[in-house]
């Protein structure tokens, strides 16, 4: 799978997860498996806004209200890059 846009560390992007709400995150660390490694390409990311955490809690994700958790984002979950 090839990406339309090249994303870099600290890019703000809009993602759609498995629970369906659209969430804004900052990409922190890229993971791309090599030939001898297992896994899929993606990013470690951090949720930007608390209102997005509340949306996820309402959808059934067990986060605490006062945290901005690190999340895993598959490449195909990224909708678009947000302006800086």
C-alpha atoms as a PDB file:
ATOM      1  CA  UNK A   1       0.000   0.000   0.000  1.00  0.00           C
ATOM      2  CA  UNK A   2       1.425   3.369  -0.976  1.00  0.00           C
ATOM      3  CA  UNK A   3       0.498   6.602   0.719  1.00  0.00           C
ATOM      4  CA  UNK A   4      -0.676   9.600  -1.280  1.00  0.00           C
ATOM      5  CA  UNK A   5       1.062  12.024   1.079  1.00  0.00           C
ATOM      6  CA  UNK A   6       4.333  11.590   2.895  1.00  0.00           C
ATOM      7  CA  UNK A   7       3.836  12.221   6.583  1.00  0.00           C
ATOM      8  CA  UNK A   8       6.608  13.194   8.987  1.00  0.00           C
ATOM      9  CA  UNK A   9       7.069  13.312  12.744  1.00  0.00           C
ATOM     10  CA  UNK A  10       5.001  16.043  14.472  1.00  0.00           C
ATOM     11  CA  UNK A  11       2.478  16.321  11.619  1.00  0.00           C
ATOM     12  CA  UNK A  12      -1.102  16.921  12.746  1.00  0.00           C
ATOM     13  CA  UNK A  13      -3.494  14.556  11.004  1.00  0.00           C
ATOM     14  CA  UNK A  14      -7.143  13.599  11.068  1.00  0.00           C
ATOM     15  CA  UNK A  15      -7.814   9.890  11.606  1.00  0.00           C
ATOM     16  CA  UNK A  16     -10.805   7.585  11.725  1.00  0.00           C
ATOM     17  CA  UNK A  17     -10.377   4.673  14.113  1.00  0.00           C
ATOM     18  CA  UNK A  18     -12.294   1.465  14.596  1.00  0.00           C
ATOM     19  CA  UNK A  19     -14.894   3.174  16.817  1.00  0.00           C
ATOM     20  CA  UNK A  20     -15.861   5.633  14.030  1.00  0.00           C
ATOM     21  CA  UNK A  21     -15.309   9.108  15.578  1.00  0.00           C
ATOM     22  CA  UNK A  22     -12.873  11.323  13.700  1.00  0.00           C
ATOM     23  CA  UNK A  23      -9.936  12.314  15.946  1.00  0.00           C
ATOM     24  CA  UNK A  24      -7.021  14.754  15.590  1.00  0.00           C
ATOM     25  CA  UNK A  25      -3.588  13.402  16.518  1.00  0.00           C
ATOM     26  CA  UNK A  26       0.092  14.361  16.301  1.00  0.00           C
ATOM     27  CA  UNK A  27       2.315  11.718  14.716  1.00  0.00           C
ATOM     28  CA  UNK A  28       5.199  10.893  17.059  1.00  0.00           C
ATOM     29  CA  UNK A  29       7.128   7.852  15.822  1.00  0.00           C
ATOM     30  CA  UNK A  30       6.995   5.877  12.566  1.00  0.00           C
ATOM     31  CA  UNK A  31       7.042   2.085  12.488  1.00  0.00           C
ATOM     32  CA  UNK A  32       7.698   0.350   9.195  1.00  0.00           C
ATOM     33  CA  UNK A  33       8.608  -3.335   9.359  1.00  0.00           C
ATOM     34  CA  UNK A  34      11.613  -4.527   7.400  1.00  0.00           C
ATOM     35  CA  UNK A  35      11.784  -7.728   5.418  1.00  0.00           C
ATOM     36  CA  UNK A  36      12.567  -9.931   8.452  1.00  0.00           C
ATOM     37  CA  UNK A  37      10.106  -8.275  10.861  1.00  0.00           C
ATOM     38  CA  UNK A  38       6.437  -8.964  11.443  1.00  0.00           C
ATOM     39  CA  UNK A  39       3.789  -6.294  11.616  1.00  0.00           C
ATOM     40  CA  UNK A  40       2.150  -3.528   9.635  1.00  0.00           C
ATOM     41  CA  UNK A  41       3.184   0.019   8.883  1.00  0.00           C
ATOM     42  CA  UNK A  42       1.840   2.734  11.134  1.00  0.00           C
ATOM     43  CA  UNK A  43       2.509   5.483  13.632  1.00  0.00           C
ATOM     44  CA  UNK A  44       2.643   6.016  17.364  1.00  0.00           C
ATOM     45  CA  UNK A  45       0.557   9.155  17.846  1.00  0.00           C
ATOM     46  CA  UNK A  46      -0.806  11.353  20.627  1.00  0.00           C
ATOM     47  CA  UNK A  47      -4.374  12.659  20.763  1.00  0.00           C
ATOM     48  CA  UNK A  48      -4.362  16.471  20.639  1.00  0.00           C
ATOM     49  CA  UNK A  49      -7.660  17.541  22.203  1.00  0.00           C
ATOM     50  CA  UNK A  50      -9.543  16.363  25.289  1.00  0.00           C
ATOM     51  CA  UNK A  51     -12.831  16.631  23.403  1.00  0.00           C
ATOM     52  CA  UNK A  52     -11.552  13.872  21.096  1.00  0.00           C
ATOM     53  CA  UNK A  53     -10.798  11.713  24.135  1.00  0.00           C
ATOM     54  CA  UNK A  54     -14.382  12.322  25.330  1.00  0.00           C
ATOM     55  CA  UNK A  55     -15.703  11.245  21.903  1.00  0.00           C
ATOM     56  CA  UNK A  56     -13.739   8.004  22.176  1.00  0.00           C
ATOM     57  CA  UNK A  57     -14.936   7.395  25.745  1.00  0.00           C
ATOM     58  CA  UNK A  58     -18.519   7.887  24.563  1.00  0.00           C
ATOM     59  CA  UNK A  59     -17.874   5.277  21.842  1.00  0.00           C
ATOM     60  CA  UNK A  60     -16.721   2.753  24.432  1.00  0.00           C
ATOM     61  CA  UNK A  61     -12.935   3.170  24.528  1.00  0.00           C
ATOM     62  CA  UNK A  62     -11.710   2.834  28.145  1.00  0.00           C
ATOM     63  CA  UNK A  63      -9.647   6.035  28.521  1.00  0.00           C
ATOM     64  CA  UNK A  64      -9.544   8.287  31.561  1.00  0.00           C
ATOM     65  CA  UNK A  65     -11.074  11.740  31.091  1.00  0.00           C
ATOM     66  CA  UNK A  66      -7.992  13.775  32.025  1.00  0.00           C
ATOM     67  CA  UNK A  67      -5.424  12.062  29.814  1.00  0.00           C
ATOM     68  CA  UNK A  68      -4.268  12.474  26.244  1.00  0.00           C
ATOM     69  CA  UNK A  69      -3.167   8.914  25.498  1.00  0.00           C
ATOM     70  CA  UNK A  70      -0.659   7.616  22.992  1.00  0.00           C
ATOM     71  CA  UNK A  71      -2.434   5.607  20.295  1.00  0.00           C
ATOM     72  CA  UNK A  72      -1.479   3.365  17.385  1.00  0.00           C
ATOM     73  CA  UNK A  73      -2.508   4.613  13.944  1.00  0.00           C
ATOM     74  CA  UNK A  74      -2.423   2.380  10.877  1.00  0.00           C
ATOM     75  CA  UNK A  75      -1.468   4.143   7.646  1.00  0.00           C
ATOM     76  CA  UNK A  76      -4.899   3.488   6.155  1.00  0.00           C
ATOM     77  CA  UNK A  77      -6.660   5.228   9.077  1.00  0.00           C
ATOM     78  CA  UNK A  78      -5.186   8.637   8.190  1.00  0.00           C
ATOM     79  CA  UNK A  79      -7.760  10.802   6.419  1.00  0.00           C
ATOM     80  CA  UNK A  80      -5.770  13.966   5.753  1.00  0.00           C
ATOM     81  CA  UNK A  81      -3.005  16.211   7.016  1.00  0.00           C
ATOM     82  CA  UNK A  82      -4.115  19.277   8.956  1.00  0.00           C
ATOM     83  CA  UNK A  83      -2.560  22.730   8.554  1.00  0.00           C
ATOM     84  CA  UNK A  84       0.097  23.488  11.154  1.00  0.00           C
END
